PDB file of all heavy atoms in Angstrom:
ATOM      1  N   ALA A   1     151.575 124.689 -55.539  1.00  0.00           N
ATOM      2  CA  ALA A   1     152.670 125.481 -56.087  1.00  0.00           C
ATOM      3  C   ALA A   1     153.072 125.008 -57.480  1.00  0.00           C
ATOM      4  O   ALA A   1     152.909 123.836 -57.828  1.00  0.00           O
ATOM      5  CB  ALA A   1     153.880 125.404 -55.154  1.00  0.00           C
ATOM      6  N   LYS A   2     153.622 125.968 -58.234  1.00  0.00           N
ATOM      7  CA  LYS A   2     154.196 125.681 -59.549  1.00  0.00           C
ATOM      8  C   LYS A   2     155.633 126.162 -59.568  1.00  0.00           C
ATOM      9  O   LYS A   2     155.980 127.174 -58.955  1.00  0.00           O
ATOM     10  CB  LYS A   2     153.413 126.385 -60.647  1.00  0.00           C
ATOM     11  CG  LYS A   2     152.201 125.633 -61.124  1.00  0.00           C
ATOM     12  CD  LYS A   2     151.688 126.192 -62.435  1.00  0.00           C
ATOM     13  CE  LYS A   2     151.027 125.065 -63.195  1.00  0.00           C
ATOM     14  NZ  LYS A   2     150.585 125.478 -64.519  1.00  0.00           N
ATOM     15  N   HIS A   3     156.467 125.434 -60.292  1.00  0.00           N
ATOM     16  CA  HIS A   3     157.854 125.829 -60.525  1.00  0.00           C
ATOM     17  C   HIS A   3     158.177 125.488 -61.974  1.00  0.00           C
ATOM     18  O   HIS A   3     157.996 124.341 -62.403  1.00  0.00           O
ATOM     19  CB  HIS A   3     158.801 125.095 -59.573  1.00  0.00           C
ATOM     20  CG  HIS A   3     160.242 125.399 -59.804  1.00  0.00           C
ATOM     21  ND1 HIS A   3     160.764 126.656 -59.642  1.00  0.00           N
ATOM     22  CD2 HIS A   3     161.264 124.615 -60.212  1.00  0.00           C
ATOM     23  CE1 HIS A   3     162.064 126.624 -59.921  1.00  0.00           C
ATOM     24  NE2 HIS A   3     162.384 125.398 -60.273  1.00  0.00           N
ATOM     25  N   ASN A   4     158.605 126.483 -62.727  1.00  0.00           N
ATOM     26  CA  ASN A   4     158.902 126.294 -64.154  1.00  0.00           C
ATOM     27  C   ASN A   4     157.734 125.651 -64.904  1.00  0.00           C
ATOM     28  O   ASN A   4     157.924 124.771 -65.745  1.00  0.00           O
ATOM     29  CB  ASN A   4     160.183 125.484 -64.347  1.00  0.00           C
ATOM     30  CG  ASN A   4     161.413 126.237 -63.898  1.00  0.00           C
ATOM     31  OD1 ASN A   4     161.433 127.467 -63.873  1.00  0.00           O
ATOM     32  ND2 ASN A   4     162.451 125.511 -63.532  1.00  0.00           N
ATOM     33  N   GLY A   5     156.518 126.080 -64.570  1.00  0.00           N
ATOM     34  CA  GLY A   5     155.333 125.594 -65.273  1.00  0.00           C
ATOM     35  C   GLY A   5     154.841 124.223 -64.850  1.00  0.00           C
ATOM     36  O   GLY A   5     153.890 123.699 -65.419  1.00  0.00           O
ATOM     37  N   LYS A   6     155.452 123.611 -63.849  1.00  0.00           N
ATOM     38  CA  LYS A   6     155.061 122.275 -63.386  1.00  0.00           C
ATOM     39  C   LYS A   6     154.505 122.360 -61.967  1.00  0.00           C
ATOM     40  O   LYS A   6     154.935 123.184 -61.163  1.00  0.00           O
ATOM     41  CB  LYS A   6     156.279 121.343 -63.362  1.00  0.00           C
ATOM     42  CG  LYS A   6     157.016 121.250 -64.674  1.00  0.00           C
ATOM     43  CD  LYS A   6     156.576 120.057 -65.427  1.00  0.00           C
ATOM     44  CE  LYS A   6     157.487 119.881 -66.653  1.00  0.00           C
ATOM     45  NZ  LYS A   6     156.894 118.997 -67.599  1.00  0.00           N
ATOM     46  N   TRP A   7     153.554 121.475 -61.668  1.00  0.00           N
ATOM     47  CA  TRP A   7     153.004 121.396 -60.316  1.00  0.00           C
ATOM     48  C   TRP A   7     154.029 120.743 -59.396  1.00  0.00           C
ATOM     49  O   TRP A   7     154.732 119.813 -59.789  1.00  0.00           O
ATOM     50  CB  TRP A   7     151.702 120.593 -60.295  1.00  0.00           C
ATOM     51  CG  TRP A   7     150.621 121.207 -61.101  1.00  0.00           C
ATOM     52  CD1 TRP A   7     150.136 120.757 -62.300  1.00  0.00           C
ATOM     53  CD2 TRP A   7     149.891 122.402 -60.797  1.00  0.00           C
ATOM     54  NE1 TRP A   7     149.153 121.609 -62.740  1.00  0.00           N
ATOM     55  CE2 TRP A   7     148.974 122.616 -61.851  1.00  0.00           C
ATOM     56  CE3 TRP A   7     149.920 123.300 -59.741  1.00  0.00           C
ATOM     57  CZ2 TRP A   7     148.100 123.699 -61.875  1.00  0.00           C
ATOM     58  CZ3 TRP A   7     149.049 124.384 -59.761  1.00  0.00           C
ATOM     59  CH2 TRP A   7     148.154 124.572 -60.814  1.00  0.00           C
ATOM     60  N   VAL A   8     154.080 121.210 -58.150  1.00  0.00           N
ATOM     61  CA  VAL A   8     155.042 120.713 -57.166  1.00  0.00           C
ATOM     62  C   VAL A   8     154.321 119.775 -56.193  1.00  0.00           C
ATOM     63  O   VAL A   8     153.362 120.180 -55.542  1.00  0.00           O
ATOM     64  CB  VAL A   8     155.683 121.887 -56.379  1.00  0.00           C
ATOM     65  CG1 VAL A   8     156.646 121.355 -55.325  1.00  0.00           C
ATOM     66  CG2 VAL A   8     156.373 122.869 -57.322  1.00  0.00           C
ATOM     67  N   PHE A   9     154.813 118.535 -56.118  1.00  0.00           N
ATOM     68  CA  PHE A   9     154.315 117.559 -55.150  1.00  0.00           C
ATOM     69  C   PHE A   9     155.483 117.070 -54.318  1.00  0.00           C
ATOM     70  O   PHE A   9     156.625 117.075 -54.770  1.00  0.00           O
ATOM     71  CB  PHE A   9     153.625 116.384 -55.848  1.00  0.00           C
ATOM     72  CG  PHE A   9     152.244 116.715 -56.326  1.00  0.00           C
ATOM     73  CD1 PHE A   9     152.054 117.349 -57.538  1.00  0.00           C
ATOM     74  CD2 PHE A   9     151.138 116.410 -55.549  1.00  0.00           C
ATOM     75  CE1 PHE A   9     150.781 117.687 -57.973  1.00  0.00           C
ATOM     76  CE2 PHE A   9     149.863 116.742 -55.976  1.00  0.00           C
ATOM     77  CZ  PHE A   9     149.688 117.383 -57.185  1.00  0.00           C
ATOM     78  N   VAL A  10     155.201 116.653 -53.094  1.00  0.00           N
ATOM     79  CA  VAL A  10     156.247 116.183 -52.183  1.00  0.00           C
ATOM     80  C   VAL A  10     155.896 114.784 -51.681  1.00  0.00           C
ATOM     81  O   VAL A  10     154.734 114.394 -51.652  1.00  0.00           O
ATOM     82  CB  VAL A  10     156.457 117.150 -50.995  1.00  0.00           C
ATOM     83  CG1 VAL A  10     156.889 118.523 -51.491  1.00  0.00           C
ATOM     84  CG2 VAL A  10     155.214 117.277 -50.129  1.00  0.00           C
ATOM     85  N   ARG A  11     156.964 114.049 -51.308  1.00  0.00           N
ATOM     86  CA  ARG A  11     156.780 112.715 -50.745  1.00  0.00           C
ATOM     87  C   ARG A  11     157.405 112.668 -49.358  1.00  0.00           C
ATOM     88  O   ARG A  11     158.577 112.980 -49.181  1.00  0.00           O
ATOM     89  CB  ARG A  11     157.423 111.643 -51.632  1.00  0.00           C
ATOM     90  CG  ARG A  11     157.156 110.225 -51.134  1.00  0.00           C
ATOM     91  CD  ARG A  11     157.930 109.190 -51.918  1.00  0.00           C
ATOM     92  NE  ARG A  11     159.364 109.414 -51.851  1.00  0.00           N
ATOM     93  CZ  ARG A  11     160.152 109.134 -50.799  1.00  0.00           C
ATOM     94  NH1 ARG A  11     159.624 108.631 -49.691  1.00  0.00           N
ATOM     95  NH2 ARG A  11     161.456 109.374 -50.843  1.00  0.00           N
ATOM     96  N   HIS A  12     156.599 112.326 -48.376  1.00  0.00           N
ATOM     97  CA  HIS A  12     157.059 112.139 -46.994  1.00  0.00           C
ATOM     98  C   HIS A  12     158.003 110.936 -46.953  1.00  0.00           C
ATOM     99  O   HIS A  12     157.771 109.942 -47.644  1.00  0.00           O
ATOM    100  CB  HIS A  12     155.842 111.906 -46.087  1.00  0.00           C
ATOM    101  CG  HIS A  12     156.134 111.974 -44.633  1.00  0.00           C
ATOM    102  ND1 HIS A  12     156.775 110.959 -43.962  1.00  0.00           N
ATOM    103  CD2 HIS A  12     155.867 112.933 -43.715  1.00  0.00           C
ATOM    104  CE1 HIS A  12     156.898 111.282 -42.694  1.00  0.00           C
ATOM    105  NE2 HIS A  12     156.353 112.483 -42.502  1.00  0.00           N
ATOM    106  N   LYS A  13     159.044 111.020 -46.151  1.00  0.00           N
ATOM    107  CA  LYS A  13     160.037 109.945 -46.056  1.00  0.00           C
ATOM    108  C   LYS A  13     159.436 108.606 -45.652  1.00  0.00           C
ATOM    109  O   LYS A  13     159.964 107.554 -46.002  1.00  0.00           O
ATOM    110  CB  LYS A  13     161.132 110.323 -45.052  1.00  0.00           C
ATOM    111  CG  LYS A  13     162.080 111.378 -45.552  1.00  0.00           C
ATOM    112  CD  LYS A  13     163.108 111.737 -44.489  1.00  0.00           C
ATOM    113  CE  LYS A  13     164.045 112.817 -44.995  1.00  0.00           C
ATOM    114  NZ  LYS A  13     164.970 113.284 -43.941  1.00  0.00           N
ATOM    115  N   GLU A  14     158.340 108.630 -44.900  1.00  0.00           N
ATOM    116  CA  GLU A  14     157.738 107.389 -44.416  1.00  0.00           C
ATOM    117  C   GLU A  14     156.600 106.877 -45.296  1.00  0.00           C
ATOM    118  O   GLU A  14     155.907 105.932 -44.927  1.00  0.00           O
ATOM    119  CB  GLU A  14     157.252 107.583 -42.976  1.00  0.00           C
ATOM    120  CG  GLU A  14     158.370 107.888 -42.016  1.00  0.00           C
ATOM    121  CD  GLU A  14     157.895 108.186 -40.606  1.00  0.00           C
ATOM    122  OE1 GLU A  14     156.663 108.178 -40.367  1.00  0.00           O
ATOM    123  OE2 GLU A  14     158.759 108.444 -39.745  1.00  0.00           O
ATOM    124  N   ARG A  15     156.404 107.522 -46.457  1.00  0.00           N
ATOM    125  CA  ARG A  15     155.321 107.103 -47.346  1.00  0.00           C
ATOM    126  C   ARG A  15     155.835 106.949 -48.778  1.00  0.00           C
ATOM    127  O   ARG A  15     156.875 107.495 -49.141  1.00  0.00           O
ATOM    128  CB  ARG A  15     154.184 108.128 -47.315  1.00  0.00           C
ATOM    129  CG  ARG A  15     153.512 108.242 -45.966  1.00  0.00           C
ATOM    130  CD  ARG A  15     152.242 109.070 -46.026  1.00  0.00           C
ATOM    131  NE  ARG A  15     152.445 110.488 -45.806  1.00  0.00           N
ATOM    132  CZ  ARG A  15     152.462 111.087 -44.616  1.00  0.00           C
ATOM    133  NH1 ARG A  15     152.330 110.386 -43.518  1.00  0.00           N
ATOM    134  NH2 ARG A  15     152.613 112.388 -44.516  1.00  0.00           N
ATOM    135  N   GLU A  16     155.068 106.243 -49.579  1.00  0.00           N
ATOM    136  CA  GLU A  16     155.394 106.070 -51.000  1.00  0.00           C
ATOM    137  C   GLU A  16     154.482 106.922 -51.877  1.00  0.00           C
ATOM    138  O   GLU A  16     154.558 106.841 -53.097  1.00  0.00           O
ATOM    139  CB  GLU A  16     155.249 104.593 -51.400  1.00  0.00           C
ATOM    140  CG  GLU A  16     156.192 103.668 -50.647  1.00  0.00           C
ATOM    141  CD  GLU A  16     157.667 103.986 -50.907  1.00  0.00           C
ATOM    142  OE1 GLU A  16     158.007 104.264 -52.071  1.00  0.00           O
ATOM    143  OE2 GLU A  16     158.454 103.968 -49.944  1.00  0.00           O
ATOM    144  N   THR A  17     153.624 107.713 -51.258  1.00  0.00           N
ATOM    145  CA  THR A  17     152.632 108.499 -51.985  1.00  0.00           C
ATOM    146  C   THR A  17     153.019 109.973 -52.026  1.00  0.00           C
ATOM    147  O   THR A  17     153.900 110.421 -51.295  1.00  0.00           O
ATOM    148  CB  THR A  17     151.258 108.339 -51.315  1.00  0.00           C
ATOM    149  OG1 THR A  17     151.391 108.643 -49.921  1.00  0.00           O
ATOM    150  CG2 THR A  17     150.721 106.918 -51.480  1.00  0.00           C
ATOM    151  N   TRP A  18     152.321 110.728 -52.868  1.00  0.00           N
ATOM    152  CA  TRP A  18     152.633 112.141 -53.108  1.00  0.00           C
ATOM    153  C   TRP A  18     151.562 113.041 -52.512  1.00  0.00           C
ATOM    154  O   TRP A  18     150.398 112.659 -52.426  1.00  0.00           O
ATOM    155  CB  TRP A  18     152.762 112.390 -54.609  1.00  0.00           C
ATOM    156  CG  TRP A  18     153.917 111.630 -55.164  1.00  0.00           C
ATOM    157  CD1 TRP A  18     153.884 110.377 -55.736  1.00  0.00           C
ATOM    158  CD2 TRP A  18     155.281 112.029 -55.145  1.00  0.00           C
ATOM    159  NE1 TRP A  18     155.157 109.993 -56.072  1.00  0.00           N
ATOM    160  CE2 TRP A  18     156.032 110.988 -55.730  1.00  0.00           C
ATOM    161  CE3 TRP A  18     155.952 113.168 -54.692  1.00  0.00           C
ATOM    162  CZ2 TRP A  18     157.410 111.050 -55.878  1.00  0.00           C
ATOM    163  CZ3 TRP A  18     157.328 113.239 -54.849  1.00  0.00           C
ATOM    164  CH2 TRP A  18     158.041 112.191 -55.430  1.00  0.00           C
ATOM    165  N   GLU A  19     151.984 114.249 -52.139  1.00  0.00           N
ATOM    166  CA  GLU A  19     151.039 115.198 -51.560  1.00  0.00           C
ATOM    167  C   GLU A  19     151.399 116.629 -51.929  1.00  0.00           C
ATOM    168  O   GLU A  19     152.519 116.920 -52.335  1.00  0.00           O
ATOM    169  CB  GLU A  19     150.937 115.023 -50.047  1.00  0.00           C
ATOM    170  CG  GLU A  19     152.245 115.010 -49.320  1.00  0.00           C
ATOM    171  CD  GLU A  19     152.139 114.333 -47.966  1.00  0.00           C
ATOM    172  OE1 GLU A  19     152.072 113.091 -47.914  1.00  0.00           O
ATOM    173  OE2 GLU A  19     152.130 115.061 -46.960  1.00  0.00           O
ATOM    174  N   ILE A  20     150.422 117.497 -51.751  1.00  0.00           N
ATOM    175  CA  ILE A  20     150.608 118.930 -51.942  1.00  0.00           C
ATOM    176  C   ILE A  20     151.319 119.456 -50.700  1.00  0.00           C
ATOM    177  O   ILE A  20     150.981 119.061 -49.585  1.00  0.00           O
ATOM    178  CB  ILE A  20     149.235 119.617 -52.123  1.00  0.00           C
ATOM    179  CG1 ILE A  20     148.543 119.098 -53.393  1.00  0.00           C
ATOM    180  CG2 ILE A  20     149.385 121.135 -52.168  1.00  0.00           C
ATOM    181  CD1 ILE A  20     147.080 119.485 -53.501  1.00  0.00           C
ATOM    182  N   PRO A  21     152.324 120.347 -50.861  1.00  0.00           N
ATOM    183  CA  PRO A  21     153.002 120.887 -49.681  1.00  0.00           C
ATOM    184  C   PRO A  21     152.029 121.568 -48.718  1.00  0.00           C
ATOM    185  O   PRO A  21     151.069 122.214 -49.143  1.00  0.00           O
ATOM    186  CB  PRO A  21     153.969 121.924 -50.264  1.00  0.00           C
ATOM    187  CG  PRO A  21     154.138 121.536 -51.692  1.00  0.00           C
ATOM    188  CD  PRO A  21     152.845 120.897 -52.107  1.00  0.00           C
ATOM    189  N   GLY A  22     152.299 121.427 -47.430  1.00  0.00           N
ATOM    190  CA  GLY A  22     151.469 122.073 -46.424  1.00  0.00           C
ATOM    191  C   GLY A  22     151.609 121.396 -45.088  1.00  0.00           C
ATOM    192  O   GLY A  22     152.335 120.412 -44.949  1.00  0.00           O
ATOM    193  N   GLY A  23     150.929 121.940 -44.093  1.00  0.00           N
ATOM    194  CA  GLY A  23     150.990 121.333 -42.780  1.00  0.00           C
ATOM    195  C   GLY A  23     150.278 122.135 -41.722  1.00  0.00           C
ATOM    196  O   GLY A  23     149.542 123.076 -42.025  1.00  0.00           O
ATOM    197  N   HIS A  24     150.523 121.767 -40.493  1.00  0.00           N
ATOM    198  CA  HIS A  24     149.872 122.381 -39.340  1.00  0.00           C
ATOM    199  C   HIS A  24     150.448 123.757 -39.037  1.00  0.00           C
ATOM    200  O   HIS A  24     151.652 123.973 -39.141  1.00  0.00           O
ATOM    201  CB  HIS A  24     150.054 121.502 -38.095  1.00  0.00           C
ATOM    202  CG  HIS A  24     149.281 120.240 -38.136  1.00  0.00           C
ATOM    203  ND1 HIS A  24     149.745 119.113 -38.760  1.00  0.00           N
ATOM    204  CD2 HIS A  24     148.073 119.935 -37.627  1.00  0.00           C
ATOM    205  CE1 HIS A  24     148.852 118.154 -38.634  1.00  0.00           C
ATOM    206  NE2 HIS A  24     147.825 118.622 -37.952  1.00  0.00           N
ATOM    207  N   ARG A  25     149.582 124.608 -38.615  1.00  0.00           N
ATOM    208  CA  ARG A  25     149.961 125.928 -38.126  1.00  0.00           C
ATOM    209  C   ARG A  25     150.486 125.781 -36.702  1.00  0.00           C
ATOM    210  O   ARG A  25     149.902 125.049 -35.893  1.00  0.00           O
ATOM    211  CB  ARG A  25     148.700 126.786 -38.149  1.00  0.00           C
ATOM    212  CG  ARG A  25     148.835 128.163 -37.634  1.00  0.00           C
ATOM    213  CD  ARG A  25     147.442 128.776 -37.676  1.00  0.00           C
ATOM    214  NE  ARG A  25     147.483 130.194 -37.402  1.00  0.00           N
ATOM    215  CZ  ARG A  25     146.430 130.975 -37.482  1.00  0.00           C
ATOM    216  NH1 ARG A  25     145.253 130.477 -37.817  1.00  0.00           N
ATOM    217  NH2 ARG A  25     146.530 132.247 -37.228  1.00  0.00           N
ATOM    218  N   GLU A  26     151.580 126.452 -36.393  1.00  0.00           N
ATOM    219  CA  GLU A  26     152.143 126.388 -35.045  1.00  0.00           C
ATOM    220  C   GLU A  26     151.475 127.424 -34.145  1.00  0.00           C
ATOM    221  O   GLU A  26     150.867 128.385 -34.615  1.00  0.00           O
ATOM    222  CB  GLU A  26     153.662 126.610 -35.112  1.00  0.00           C
ATOM    223  CG  GLU A  26     154.356 125.468 -35.836  1.00  0.00           C
ATOM    224  CD  GLU A  26     155.858 125.638 -35.933  1.00  0.00           C
ATOM    225  OE1 GLU A  26     156.398 126.679 -35.505  1.00  0.00           O
ATOM    226  OE2 GLU A  26     156.494 124.711 -36.466  1.00  0.00           O
ATOM    227  N   ILE A  27     151.595 127.227 -32.838  1.00  0.00           N
ATOM    228  CA  ILE A  27     151.005 128.142 -31.862  1.00  0.00           C
ATOM    229  C   ILE A  27     151.559 129.549 -32.079  1.00  0.00           C
ATOM    230  O   ILE A  27     152.760 129.733 -32.265  1.00  0.00           O
ATOM    231  CB  ILE A  27     151.291 127.656 -30.425  1.00  0.00           C
ATOM    232  CG1 ILE A  27     150.592 126.308 -30.194  1.00  0.00           C
ATOM    233  CG2 ILE A  27     150.834 128.684 -29.390  1.00  0.00           C
ATOM    234  CD1 ILE A  27     150.982 125.621 -28.899  1.00  0.00           C
ATOM    235  N   ASN A  28     150.669 130.540 -32.069  1.00  0.00           N
ATOM    236  CA  ASN A  28     151.005 131.962 -32.258  1.00  0.00           C
ATOM    237  C   ASN A  28     151.600 132.290 -33.631  1.00  0.00           C
ATOM    238  O   ASN A  28     152.228 133.328 -33.791  1.00  0.00           O
ATOM    239  CB  ASN A  28     151.944 132.468 -31.151  1.00  0.00           C
ATOM    240  CG  ASN A  28     151.295 132.396 -29.788  1.00  0.00           C
ATOM    241  OD1 ASN A  28     150.092 132.649 -29.652  1.00  0.00           O
ATOM    242  ND2 ASN A  28     152.058 132.037 -28.783  1.00  0.00           N
ATOM    243  N   GLU A  29     151.414 131.427 -34.609  1.00  0.00           N
ATOM    244  CA  GLU A  29     151.905 131.668 -35.965  1.00  0.00           C
ATOM    245  C   GLU A  29     150.732 132.114 -36.827  1.00  0.00           C
ATOM    246  O   GLU A  29     149.661 131.511 -36.770  1.00  0.00           O
ATOM    247  CB  GLU A  29     152.501 130.371 -36.512  1.00  0.00           C
ATOM    248  CG  GLU A  29     153.118 130.485 -37.885  1.00  0.00           C
ATOM    249  CD  GLU A  29     153.743 129.171 -38.339  1.00  0.00           C
ATOM    250  OE1 GLU A  29     153.102 128.105 -38.166  1.00  0.00           O
ATOM    251  OE2 GLU A  29     154.865 129.215 -38.861  1.00  0.00           O
ATOM    252  N   ASN A  30     150.914 133.182 -37.608  1.00  0.00           N
ATOM    253  CA  ASN A  30     149.801 133.546 -38.487  1.00  0.00           C
ATOM    254  C   ASN A  30     149.801 132.599 -39.680  1.00  0.00           C
ATOM    255  O   ASN A  30     150.805 131.960 -39.996  1.00  0.00           O
ATOM    256  CB  ASN A  30     149.799 135.042 -38.852  1.00  0.00           C
ATOM    257  CG  ASN A  30     150.829 135.428 -39.880  1.00  0.00           C
ATOM    258  OD1 ASN A  30     151.025 134.744 -40.884  1.00  0.00           O
ATOM    259  ND2 ASN A  30     151.484 136.554 -39.656  1.00  0.00           N
ATOM    260  N   ILE A  31     148.670 132.506 -40.341  1.00  0.00           N
ATOM    261  CA  ILE A  31     148.483 131.470 -41.363  1.00  0.00           C
ATOM    262  C   ILE A  31     149.383 131.709 -42.575  1.00  0.00           C
ATOM    263  O   ILE A  31     149.866 130.764 -43.201  1.00  0.00           O
ATOM    264  CB  ILE A  31     146.984 131.326 -41.735  1.00  0.00           C
ATOM    265  CG1 ILE A  31     146.720 129.991 -42.430  1.00  0.00           C
ATOM    266  CG2 ILE A  31     146.499 132.510 -42.532  1.00  0.00           C
ATOM    267  CD1 ILE A  31     146.867 128.787 -41.528  1.00  0.00           C
ATOM    268  N   GLU A  32     149.654 132.974 -42.910  1.00  0.00           N
ATOM    269  CA  GLU A  32     150.547 133.274 -44.030  1.00  0.00           C
ATOM    270  C   GLU A  32     151.975 132.833 -43.719  1.00  0.00           C
ATOM    271  O   GLU A  32     152.667 132.278 -44.579  1.00  0.00           O
ATOM    272  CB  GLU A  32     150.516 134.759 -44.389  1.00  0.00           C
ATOM    273  CG  GLU A  32     149.215 135.232 -45.020  1.00  0.00           C
ATOM    274  CD  GLU A  32     148.100 135.510 -44.015  1.00  0.00           C
ATOM    275  OE1 GLU A  32     148.357 135.537 -42.781  1.00  0.00           O
ATOM    276  OE2 GLU A  32     146.955 135.689 -44.456  1.00  0.00           O
ATOM    277  N   ASP A  33     152.415 133.077 -42.477  1.00  0.00           N
ATOM    278  CA  ASP A  33     153.749 132.635 -42.072  1.00  0.00           C
ATOM    279  C   ASP A  33     153.835 131.108 -42.062  1.00  0.00           C
ATOM    280  O   ASP A  33     154.863 130.529 -42.429  1.00  0.00           O
ATOM    281  CB  ASP A  33     154.120 133.191 -40.703  1.00  0.00           C
ATOM    282  CG  ASP A  33     154.390 134.690 -40.721  1.00  0.00           C
ATOM    283  OD1 ASP A  33     154.571 135.263 -41.825  1.00  0.00           O
ATOM    284  OD2 ASP A  33     154.413 135.296 -39.632  1.00  0.00           O
ATOM    285  N   ALA A  34     152.767 130.455 -41.642  1.00  0.00           N
ATOM    286  CA  ALA A  34     152.736 128.991 -41.649  1.00  0.00           C
ATOM    287  C   ALA A  34     152.886 128.471 -43.078  1.00  0.00           C
ATOM    288  O   ALA A  34     153.639 127.521 -43.328  1.00  0.00           O
ATOM    289  CB  ALA A  34     151.440 128.479 -41.033  1.00  0.00           C
ATOM    290  N   ALA A  35     152.183 129.098 -44.015  1.00  0.00           N
ATOM    291  CA  ALA A  35     152.259 128.680 -45.414  1.00  0.00           C
ATOM    292  C   ALA A  35     153.683 128.856 -45.952  1.00  0.00           C
ATOM    293  O   ALA A  35     154.228 127.951 -46.606  1.00  0.00           O
ATOM    294  CB  ALA A  35     151.260 129.466 -46.261  1.00  0.00           C
ATOM    295  N   SER A  36     154.298 129.988 -45.688  1.00  0.00           N
ATOM    296  CA  SER A  36     155.671 130.234 -46.159  1.00  0.00           C
ATOM    297  C   SER A  36     156.652 129.242 -45.533  1.00  0.00           C
ATOM    298  O   SER A  36     157.518 128.688 -46.219  1.00  0.00           O
ATOM    299  CB  SER A  36     156.104 131.664 -45.831  1.00  0.00           C
ATOM    300  OG  SER A  36     155.363 132.584 -46.592  1.00  0.00           O
ATOM    301  N   ARG A  37     156.521 129.019 -44.242  1.00  0.00           N
ATOM    302  CA  ARG A  37     157.401 128.083 -43.550  1.00  0.00           C
ATOM    303  C   ARG A  37     157.263 126.676 -44.117  1.00  0.00           C
ATOM    304  O   ARG A  37     158.256 126.013 -44.430  1.00  0.00           O
ATOM    305  CB  ARG A  37     157.099 128.081 -42.040  1.00  0.00           C
ATOM    306  CG  ARG A  37     157.917 127.050 -41.259  1.00  0.00           C
ATOM    307  CD  ARG A  37     157.528 127.011 -39.787  1.00  0.00           C
ATOM    308  NE  ARG A  37     156.113 126.845 -39.536  1.00  0.00           N
ATOM    309  CZ  ARG A  37     155.437 125.695 -39.669  1.00  0.00           C
ATOM    310  NH1 ARG A  37     156.057 124.605 -40.078  1.00  0.00           N
ATOM    311  NH2 ARG A  37     154.143 125.636 -39.401  1.00  0.00           N
ATOM    312  N   GLU A  38     156.026 126.225 -44.281  1.00  0.00           N
ATOM    313  CA  GLU A  38     155.797 124.878 -44.808  1.00  0.00           C
ATOM    314  C   GLU A  38     156.346 124.727 -46.227  1.00  0.00           C
ATOM    315  O   GLU A  38     156.941 123.703 -46.553  1.00  0.00           O
ATOM    316  CB  GLU A  38     154.304 124.523 -44.761  1.00  0.00           C
ATOM    317  CG  GLU A  38     153.766 124.288 -43.374  1.00  0.00           C
ATOM    318  CD  GLU A  38     154.235 122.984 -42.733  1.00  0.00           C
ATOM    319  OE1 GLU A  38     154.865 122.138 -43.412  1.00  0.00           O
ATOM    320  OE2 GLU A  38     153.976 122.804 -41.533  1.00  0.00           O
ATOM    321  N   LEU A  39     156.152 125.743 -47.055  1.00  0.00           N
ATOM    322  CA  LEU A  39     156.648 125.658 -48.432  1.00  0.00           C
ATOM    323  C   LEU A  39     158.174 125.554 -48.442  1.00  0.00           C
ATOM    324  O   LEU A  39     158.737 124.737 -49.168  1.00  0.00           O
ATOM    325  CB  LEU A  39     156.176 126.861 -49.256  1.00  0.00           C
ATOM    326  CG  LEU A  39     156.445 126.749 -50.756  1.00  0.00           C
ATOM    327  CD1 LEU A  39     155.676 125.586 -51.375  1.00  0.00           C
ATOM    328  CD2 LEU A  39     156.091 128.051 -51.457  1.00  0.00           C
ATOM    329  N   LYS A  40     158.835 126.356 -47.630  1.00  0.00           N
ATOM    330  CA  LYS A  40     160.305 126.304 -47.542  1.00  0.00           C
ATOM    331  C   LYS A  40     160.765 124.950 -47.018  1.00  0.00           C
ATOM    332  O   LYS A  40     161.682 124.331 -47.574  1.00  0.00           O
ATOM    333  CB  LYS A  40     160.827 127.409 -46.614  1.00  0.00           C
ATOM    334  CG  LYS A  40     160.699 128.797 -47.164  1.00  0.00           C
ATOM    335  CD  LYS A  40     161.139 129.821 -46.106  1.00  0.00           C
ATOM    336  CE  LYS A  40     160.768 131.227 -46.501  1.00  0.00           C
ATOM    337  NZ  LYS A  40     161.065 132.197 -45.421  1.00  0.00           N
ATOM    338  N   GLU A  41     160.144 124.494 -45.923  1.00  0.00           N
ATOM    339  CA  GLU A  41     160.555 123.231 -45.298  1.00  0.00           C
ATOM    340  C   GLU A  41     160.332 122.024 -46.197  1.00  0.00           C
ATOM    341  O   GLU A  41     161.121 121.086 -46.198  1.00  0.00           O
ATOM    342  CB  GLU A  41     159.788 123.006 -43.996  1.00  0.00           C
ATOM    343  CG  GLU A  41     160.185 123.897 -42.851  1.00  0.00           C
ATOM    344  CD  GLU A  41     159.327 123.698 -41.609  1.00  0.00           C
ATOM    345  OE1 GLU A  41     158.406 122.839 -41.604  1.00  0.00           O
ATOM    346  OE2 GLU A  41     159.567 124.422 -40.630  1.00  0.00           O
ATOM    347  N   GLU A  42     159.248 122.039 -46.962  1.00  0.00           N
ATOM    348  CA  GLU A  42     158.879 120.846 -47.712  1.00  0.00           C
ATOM    349  C   GLU A  42     159.384 120.817 -49.147  1.00  0.00           C
ATOM    350  O   GLU A  42     159.393 119.756 -49.766  1.00  0.00           O
ATOM    351  CB  GLU A  42     157.359 120.654 -47.675  1.00  0.00           C
ATOM    352  CG  GLU A  42     156.877 120.377 -46.266  1.00  0.00           C
ATOM    353  CD  GLU A  42     155.476 119.823 -46.186  1.00  0.00           C
ATOM    354  OE1 GLU A  42     154.786 119.740 -47.223  1.00  0.00           O
ATOM    355  OE2 GLU A  42     155.065 119.466 -45.069  1.00  0.00           O
ATOM    356  N   THR A  43     159.795 121.984 -49.683  1.00  0.00           N
ATOM    357  CA  THR A  43     160.239 122.008 -51.079  1.00  0.00           C
ATOM    358  C   THR A  43     161.635 122.584 -51.272  1.00  0.00           C
ATOM    359  O   THR A  43     162.211 122.422 -52.342  1.00  0.00           O
ATOM    360  CB  THR A  43     159.279 122.835 -51.960  1.00  0.00           C
ATOM    361  OG1 THR A  43     159.385 124.219 -51.598  1.00  0.00           O
ATOM    362  CG2 THR A  43     157.844 122.356 -51.825  1.00  0.00           C
TER     363      THR A  43
END
């Protein structure tokens, strides 16, 4: 993801490193909904 021309990275509370937003798909969730949910939850 980009916001205001910058790349968006996130840091998990239990780590000191950075990652691209994302995660596991939940049961009966379509992949587009999983992507939207993860982006909202993580950023």
